[in-house]
PDB file of N, CA and C in Angstrom:
ATOM      1  N   MET A   1     -60.372  80.083  29.139  1.00  0.00           N
ATOM      2  CA  MET A   1     -59.862  79.001  28.533  1.00  0.00           C
ATOM      3  C   MET A   1     -60.022  79.082  27.071  1.00  0.00           C
ATOM      4  N   ARG A   2     -59.261  78.500  26.301  1.00  0.00           N
ATOM      5  CA  ARG A   2     -59.334  78.620  24.738  1.00  0.00           C
ATOM      6  C   ARG A   2     -60.481  77.839  24.249  1.00  0.00           C
ATOM      7  N   THR A   3     -61.145  78.135  23.267  1.00  0.00           N
ATOM      8  CA  THR A   3     -62.138  77.325  22.630  1.00  0.00           C
ATOM      9  C   THR A   3     -62.228  77.685  21.204  1.00  0.00           C
ATOM     10  N   GLY A   4     -62.034  76.614  20.179  1.00  0.00           N
ATOM     11  CA  GLY A   4     -62.124  77.014  18.849  1.00  0.00           C
ATOM     12  C   GLY A   4     -61.099  76.129  18.058  1.00  0.00           C
ATOM     13  N   THR A   5     -60.997  76.455  16.917  1.00  0.00           N
ATOM     14  CA  THR A   5     -60.028  75.784  15.927  1.00  0.00           C
ATOM     15  C   THR A   5     -58.909  76.777  15.609  1.00  0.00           C
ATOM     16  N   TYR A   6     -57.566  76.061  15.768  1.00  0.00           N
ATOM     17  CA  TYR A   6     -56.445  76.849  15.673  1.00  0.00           C
ATOM     18  C   TYR A   6     -55.478  76.139  14.656  1.00  0.00           C
ATOM     19  N   TYR A   7     -55.069  76.824  13.572  1.00  0.00           N
ATOM     20  CA  TYR A   7     -54.347  76.190  12.606  1.00  0.00           C
ATOM     21  C   TYR A   7     -52.731  76.300  13.005  1.00  0.00           C
ATOM     22  N   LEU A   8     -52.183  75.040  12.559  1.00  0.00           N
ATOM     23  CA  LEU A   8     -50.739  74.848  12.978  1.00  0.00           C
ATOM     24  C   LEU A   8     -49.819  75.447  11.962  1.00  0.00           C
ATOM     25  N   ASN A   9     -50.169  75.447  10.698  1.00  0.00           N
ATOM     26  CA  ASN A   9     -49.465  75.956   9.553  1.00  0.00           C
ATOM     27  C   ASN A   9     -49.995  76.964   8.781  1.00  0.00           C
ATOM     28  N   ASN A  10     -49.302  77.488   7.769  1.00  0.00           N
ATOM     29  CA  ASN A  10     -49.693  78.677   6.932  1.00  0.00           C
ATOM     30  C   ASN A  10     -50.768  78.288   5.894  1.00  0.00           C
ATOM     31  N   ASN A  11     -50.715  77.034   5.474  1.00  0.00           N
ATOM     32  CA  ASN A  11     -51.729  76.587   4.436  1.00  0.00           C
ATOM     33  C   ASN A  11     -52.968  75.956   4.987  1.00  0.00           C
ATOM     34  N   GLY A  12     -53.238  75.742   6.129  1.00  0.00           N
ATOM     35  CA  GLY A  12     -54.328  75.353   6.886  1.00  0.00           C
ATOM     36  C   GLY A  12     -54.556  73.891   6.764  1.00  0.00           C
ATOM     37  N   SER A  13     -53.598  73.067   6.484  1.00  0.00           N
ATOM     38  CA  SER A  13     -53.701  71.711   6.285  1.00  0.00           C
ATOM     39  C   SER A  13     -53.616  70.674   7.750  1.00  0.00           C
ATOM     40  N   ARG A  14     -53.241  71.490   8.611  1.00  0.00           N
ATOM     41  CA  ARG A  14     -53.222  71.011  10.017  1.00  0.00           C
ATOM     42  C   ARG A  14     -53.681  71.907  11.043  1.00  0.00           C
ATOM     43  N   TRP A  15     -54.658  71.329  11.919  1.00  0.00           N
ATOM     44  CA  TRP A  15     -55.230  72.223  12.915  1.00  0.00           C
ATOM     45  C   TRP A  15     -55.509  71.338  14.269  1.00  0.00           C
ATOM     46  N   VAL A  16     -55.852  72.062  15.362  1.00  0.00           N
ATOM     47  CA  VAL A  16     -56.342  71.488  16.489  1.00  0.00           C
ATOM     48  C   VAL A  16     -57.575  72.163  16.765  1.00  0.00           C
ATOM     49  N   HIS A  17     -58.490  71.437  17.422  1.00  0.00           N
ATOM     50  CA  HIS A  17     -59.865  71.764  17.848  1.00  0.00           C
ATOM     51  C   HIS A  17     -59.932  71.816  19.398  1.00  0.00           C
ATOM     52  N   LEU A  18     -60.006  72.872  20.146  1.00  0.00           N
ATOM     53  CA  LEU A  18     -60.094  72.901  21.591  1.00  0.00           C
ATOM     54  C   LEU A  18     -61.364  73.231  21.943  1.00  0.00           C
ATOM     55  N   VAL A  19     -61.867  72.547  23.138  1.00  0.00           N
ATOM     56  CA  VAL A  19     -62.995  72.969  23.912  1.00  0.00           C
ATOM     57  C   VAL A  19     -62.686  73.194  25.310  1.00  0.00           C
ATOM     58  N   GLU A  20     -62.745  74.388  25.773  1.00  0.00           N
ATOM     59  CA  GLU A  20     -62.253  74.804  27.167  1.00  0.00           C
ATOM     60  C   GLU A  20     -60.868  74.346  27.425  1.00  0.00           C
ATOM     61  N   GLY A  21     -59.909  74.548  26.432  1.00  0.00           N
ATOM     62  CA  GLY A  21     -58.499  74.193  26.500  1.00  0.00           C
ATOM     63  C   GLY A  21     -58.156  72.715  26.400  1.00  0.00           C
ATOM     64  N   LYS A  22     -59.142  71.754  26.099  1.00  0.00           N
ATOM     65  CA  LYS A  22     -58.644  70.452  26.002  1.00  0.00           C
ATOM     66  C   LYS A  22     -58.990  70.025  24.551  1.00  0.00           C
ATOM     67  N   LYS A  23     -57.972  69.164  23.982  1.00  0.00           N
ATOM     68  CA  LYS A  23     -58.094  68.658  22.737  1.00  0.00           C
ATOM     69  C   LYS A  23     -59.225  67.678  22.491  1.00  0.00           C
ATOM     70  N   ASP A  24     -59.631  67.384  21.160  1.00  0.00           N
ATOM     71  CA  ASP A  24     -60.748  66.522  20.816  1.00  0.00           C
ATOM     72  C   ASP A  24     -60.287  64.962  21.301  1.00  0.00           C
ATOM     73  N   LYS A  25     -61.277  64.222  21.562  1.00  0.00           N
ATOM     74  CA  LYS A  25     -60.799  62.746  21.758  1.00  0.00           C
ATOM     75  C   LYS A  25     -61.788  61.844  20.884  1.00  0.00           C
ATOM     76  N   ILE A  26     -61.136  60.885  20.368  1.00  0.00           N
ATOM     77  CA  ILE A  26     -61.872  59.907  19.497  1.00  0.00           C
ATOM     78  C   ILE A  26     -61.882  58.527  20.009  1.00  0.00           C
ATOM     79  N   THR A  27     -63.034  57.657  19.590  1.00  0.00           N
ATOM     80  CA  THR A  27     -62.853  56.427  20.087  1.00  0.00           C
ATOM     81  C   THR A  27     -62.916  55.528  18.749  1.00  0.00           C
ATOM     82  N   LEU A  28     -62.036  54.517  18.843  1.00  0.00           N
ATOM     83  CA  LEU A  28     -61.844  53.611  17.726  1.00  0.00           C
ATOM     84  C   LEU A  28     -62.089  52.121  18.028  1.00  0.00           C
ATOM     85  N   LEU A  29     -62.270  51.449  17.153  1.00  0.00           N
ATOM     86  CA  LEU A  29     -62.382  49.928  17.463  1.00  0.00           C
ATOM     87  C   LEU A  29     -61.016  49.128  17.058  1.00  0.00           C
ATOM     88  N   THR A  30     -60.809  47.996  17.722  1.00  0.00           N
ATOM     89  CA  THR A  30     -59.608  47.203  17.277  1.00  0.00           C
ATOM     90  C   THR A  30     -60.267  45.999  16.615  1.00  0.00           C
ATOM     91  N   LYS A  31     -59.510  45.206  15.989  1.00  0.00           N
ATOM     92  CA  LYS A  31     -59.942  43.877  15.284  1.00  0.00           C
ATOM     93  C   LYS A  31     -60.831  42.959  16.354  1.00  0.00           C
ATOM     94  N   SER A  32     -60.403  43.008  17.505  1.00  0.00           N
ATOM     95  CA  SER A  32     -60.928  42.081  18.377  1.00  0.00           C
ATOM     96  C   SER A  32     -62.331  42.712  19.197  1.00  0.00           C
ATOM     97  N   GLY A  33     -62.627  44.000  18.711  1.00  0.00           N
ATOM     98  CA  GLY A  33     -63.737  44.670  19.094  1.00  0.00           C
ATOM     99  C   GLY A  33     -63.776  45.595  20.346  1.00  0.00           C
ATOM    100  N   LYS A  34     -62.484  45.583  20.794  1.00  0.00           N
ATOM    101  CA  LYS A  34     -62.254  46.555  21.908  1.00  0.00           C
ATOM    102  C   LYS A  34     -62.220  47.871  21.380  1.00  0.00           C
ATOM    103  N   GLU A  35     -62.789  48.941  22.339  1.00  0.00           N
ATOM    104  CA  GLU A  35     -62.819  50.149  22.124  1.00  0.00           C
ATOM    105  C   GLU A  35     -61.607  50.945  22.824  1.00  0.00           C
ATOM    106  N   ILE A  36     -61.027  51.847  21.996  1.00  0.00           N
ATOM    107  CA  ILE A  36     -59.953  52.597  22.751  1.00  0.00           C
ATOM    108  C   ILE A  36     -60.260  54.052  22.445  1.00  0.00           C
ATOM    109  N   THR A  37     -59.970  54.781  23.497  1.00  0.00           N
ATOM    110  CA  THR A  37     -60.227  56.263  23.369  1.00  0.00           C
ATOM    111  C   THR A  37     -58.747  56.990  23.346  1.00  0.00           C
ATOM    112  N   ARG A  38     -58.548  57.891  22.465  1.00  0.00           N
ATOM    113  CA  ARG A  38     -57.203  58.700  22.369  1.00  0.00           C
ATOM    114  C   ARG A  38     -57.559  59.987  22.161  1.00  0.00           C
ATOM    115  N   VAL A  39     -56.556  60.920  22.662  1.00  0.00           N
ATOM    116  CA  VAL A  39     -56.508  62.292  22.371  1.00  0.00           C
ATOM    117  C   VAL A  39     -56.073  62.593  21.059  1.00  0.00           C
ATOM    118  N   VAL A  40     -56.628  63.534  20.228  1.00  0.00           N
ATOM    119  CA  VAL A  40     -56.254  63.724  19.097  1.00  0.00           C
ATOM    120  C   VAL A  40     -55.117  64.961  19.010  1.00  0.00           C
ATOM    121  N   ASP A  41     -53.812  64.563  18.563  1.00  0.00           N
ATOM    122  CA  ASP A  41     -52.775  65.429  18.748  1.00  0.00           C
ATOM    123  C   ASP A  41     -53.024  66.616  17.714  1.00  0.00           C
ATOM    124  N   PHE A  42     -53.393  66.266  16.512  1.00  0.00           N
ATOM    125  CA  PHE A  42     -53.794  67.271  15.565  1.00  0.00           C
ATOM    126  C   PHE A  42     -54.624  66.676  14.414  1.00  0.00           C
ATOM    127  N   TRP A  43     -55.417  67.482  13.661  1.00  0.00           N
ATOM    128  CA  TRP A  43     -56.112  66.945  12.445  1.00  0.00           C
ATOM    129  C   TRP A  43     -55.426  67.356  11.161  1.00  0.00           C
ATOM    130  N   GLU A  44     -55.505  66.527  10.238  1.00  0.00           N
ATOM    131  CA  GLU A  44     -54.713  66.853   8.986  1.00  0.00           C
ATOM    132  C   GLU A  44     -55.578  66.567   7.752  1.00  0.00           C
ATOM    133  N   SER A  45     -55.554  67.415   6.856  1.00  0.00           N
ATOM    134  CA  SER A  45     -56.491  67.245   5.659  1.00  0.00           C
ATOM    135  C   SER A  45     -55.903  66.185   4.738  1.00  0.00           C
ATOM    136  N   PHE A  46     -56.715  65.473   4.111  1.00  0.00           N
ATOM    137  CA  PHE A  46     -56.406  64.410   3.261  1.00  0.00           C
ATOM    138  C   PHE A  46     -57.381  64.285   2.258  1.00  0.00           C
ATOM    139  N   GLY A  47     -57.020  65.095   1.102  1.00  0.00           N
ATOM    140  CA  GLY A  47     -58.216  65.235  -0.041  1.00  0.00           C
ATOM    141  C   GLY A  47     -59.415  65.960   0.554  1.00  0.00           C
ATOM    142  N   ASN A  48     -60.502  65.292   0.434  1.00  0.00           N
ATOM    143  CA  ASN A  48     -61.796  65.930   1.047  1.00  0.00           C
ATOM    144  C   ASN A  48     -62.056  65.451   2.383  1.00  0.00           C
ATOM    145  N   PHE A  49     -61.204  64.731   2.910  1.00  0.00           N
ATOM    146  CA  PHE A  49     -61.415  64.144   4.312  1.00  0.00           C
ATOM    147  C   PHE A  49     -60.271  64.712   5.226  1.00  0.00           C
ATOM    148  N   ALA A  50     -60.538  64.226   6.423  1.00  0.00           N
ATOM    149  CA  ALA A  50     -59.360  64.612   7.507  1.00  0.00           C
ATOM    150  C   ALA A  50     -59.033  63.457   8.322  1.00  0.00           C
ATOM    151  N   THR A  51     -57.867  63.343   8.689  1.00  0.00           N
ATOM    152  CA  THR A  51     -57.271  62.281   9.595  1.00  0.00           C
ATOM    153  C   THR A  51     -56.801  62.802  10.823  1.00  0.00           C
ATOM    154  N   ALA A  52     -56.836  61.960  11.779  1.00  0.00           N
ATOM    155  CA  ALA A  52     -56.553  62.338  13.243  1.00  0.00           C
ATOM    156  C   ALA A  52     -55.215  61.812  13.446  1.00  0.00           C
ATOM    157  N   ARG A  53     -54.262  62.562  13.952  1.00  0.00           N
ATOM    158  CA  ARG A  53     -52.820  62.021  14.425  1.00  0.00           C
ATOM    159  C   ARG A  53     -53.006  61.632  16.157  1.00  0.00           C
ATOM    160  N   ILE A  54     -52.852  60.433  16.173  1.00  0.00           N
ATOM    161  CA  ILE A  54     -53.180  59.725  17.685  1.00  0.00           C
ATOM    162  C   ILE A  54     -51.817  59.088  17.920  1.00  0.00           C
ATOM    163  N   SER A  55     -51.616  58.807  19.129  1.00  0.00           N
ATOM    164  CA  SER A  55     -50.548  57.818  19.622  1.00  0.00           C
ATOM    165  C   SER A  55     -51.246  56.426  20.158  1.00  0.00           C
ATOM    166  N   TYR A  56     -50.650  55.397  19.453  1.00  0.00           N
ATOM    167  CA  TYR A  56     -51.131  53.991  19.888  1.00  0.00           C
ATOM    168  C   TYR A  56     -50.145  53.010  19.860  1.00  0.00           C
ATOM    169  N   LYS A  57     -49.897  52.403  20.939  1.00  0.00           N
ATOM    170  CA  LYS A  57     -48.809  51.410  21.095  1.00  0.00           C
ATOM    171  C   LYS A  57     -47.460  52.039  20.933  1.00  0.00           C
ATOM    172  N   GLY A  58     -47.265  53.141  21.422  1.00  0.00           N
ATOM    173  CA  GLY A  58     -46.005  53.969  21.322  1.00  0.00           C
ATOM    174  C   GLY A  58     -45.542  54.546  19.927  1.00  0.00           C
ATOM    175  N   LYS A  59     -46.557  54.351  19.068  1.00  0.00           N
ATOM    176  CA  LYS A  59     -46.338  55.075  17.629  1.00  0.00           C
ATOM    177  C   LYS A  59     -47.289  55.980  17.255  1.00  0.00           C
ATOM    178  N   ARG A  60     -47.009  56.858  16.391  1.00  0.00           N
ATOM    179  CA  ARG A  60     -47.846  58.042  15.918  1.00  0.00           C
ATOM    180  C   ARG A  60     -48.614  57.483  14.717  1.00  0.00           C
ATOM    181  N   LEU A  61     -49.962  57.644  14.679  1.00  0.00           N
ATOM    182  CA  LEU A  61     -50.538  57.049  13.537  1.00  0.00           C
ATOM    183  C   LEU A  61     -51.595  58.096  13.051  1.00  0.00           C
ATOM    184  N   ASN A  62     -51.772  58.275  11.791  1.00  0.00           N
ATOM    185  CA  ASN A  62     -52.781  58.871  11.127  1.00  0.00           C
ATOM    186  C   ASN A  62     -54.007  58.014  10.854  1.00  0.00           C
ATOM    187  N   VAL A  63     -55.156  58.294  11.395  1.00  0.00           N
ATOM    188  CA  VAL A  63     -56.143  57.476  11.247  1.00  0.00           C
ATOM    189  C   VAL A  63     -57.641  58.212  10.974  1.00  0.00           C
ATOM    190  N   PHE A  64     -58.323  57.473  10.063  1.00  0.00           N
ATOM    191  CA  PHE A  64     -59.707  58.047   9.696  1.00  0.00           C
ATOM    192  C   PHE A  64     -60.543  57.605  10.991  1.00  0.00           C
ATOM    193  N   MET A  65     -61.675  58.250  10.797  1.00  0.00           N
ATOM    194  CA  MET A  65     -62.635  58.218  12.058  1.00  0.00           C
ATOM    195  C   MET A  65     -63.254  56.758  12.105  1.00  0.00           C
ATOM    196  N   ASN A  66     -63.426  56.054  11.043  1.00  0.00           N
ATOM    197  CA  ASN A  66     -64.068  54.787  10.928  1.00  0.00           C
ATOM    198  C   ASN A  66     -62.989  53.459  10.723  1.00  0.00           C
ATOM    199  N   GLU A  67     -61.611  53.893  11.056  1.00  0.00           N
ATOM    200  CA  GLU A  67     -60.672  52.885  10.920  1.00  0.00           C
ATOM    201  C   GLU A  67     -60.560  51.884  12.045  1.00  0.00           C
ATOM    202  N   VAL A  68     -60.378  50.655  11.548  1.00  0.00           N
ATOM    203  CA  VAL A  68     -60.199  49.633  12.658  1.00  0.00           C
ATOM    204  C   VAL A  68     -58.705  49.296  12.818  1.00  0.00           C
ATOM    205  N   LEU A  69     -58.400  49.390  14.104  1.00  0.00           N
ATOM    206  CA  LEU A  69     -56.849  49.224  14.386  1.00  0.00           C
ATOM    207  C   LEU A  69     -56.509  47.763  14.784  1.00  0.00           C
ATOM    208  N   GLU A  70     -55.252  47.464  14.594  1.00  0.00           N
ATOM    209  CA  GLU A  70     -54.781  46.240  14.945  1.00  0.00           C
ATOM    210  C   GLU A  70     -54.752  45.917  16.360  1.00  0.00           C
ATOM    211  N   ASP A  71     -54.735  44.827  16.958  1.00  0.00           N
ATOM    212  CA  ASP A  71     -54.591  44.594  18.402  1.00  0.00           C
ATOM    213  C   ASP A  71     -53.120  44.631  18.983  1.00  0.00           C
TER     214      ASP A  71
END
């Protein structure tokens, strides 16, 4: 199985991180305090930070790790 970081483009601004062939998962809070866990499609650089591309309520969102989502 694949493990490691794989870049999706030539300039290194998008990448996926795999552990034994599975993508990263993150847990985020909503405004009502509910925790949701989503698989990260890919990470993207944003200045000195990174955002995660996730699917939430049928839409693709770029989120920071500490972002609070709408219900």
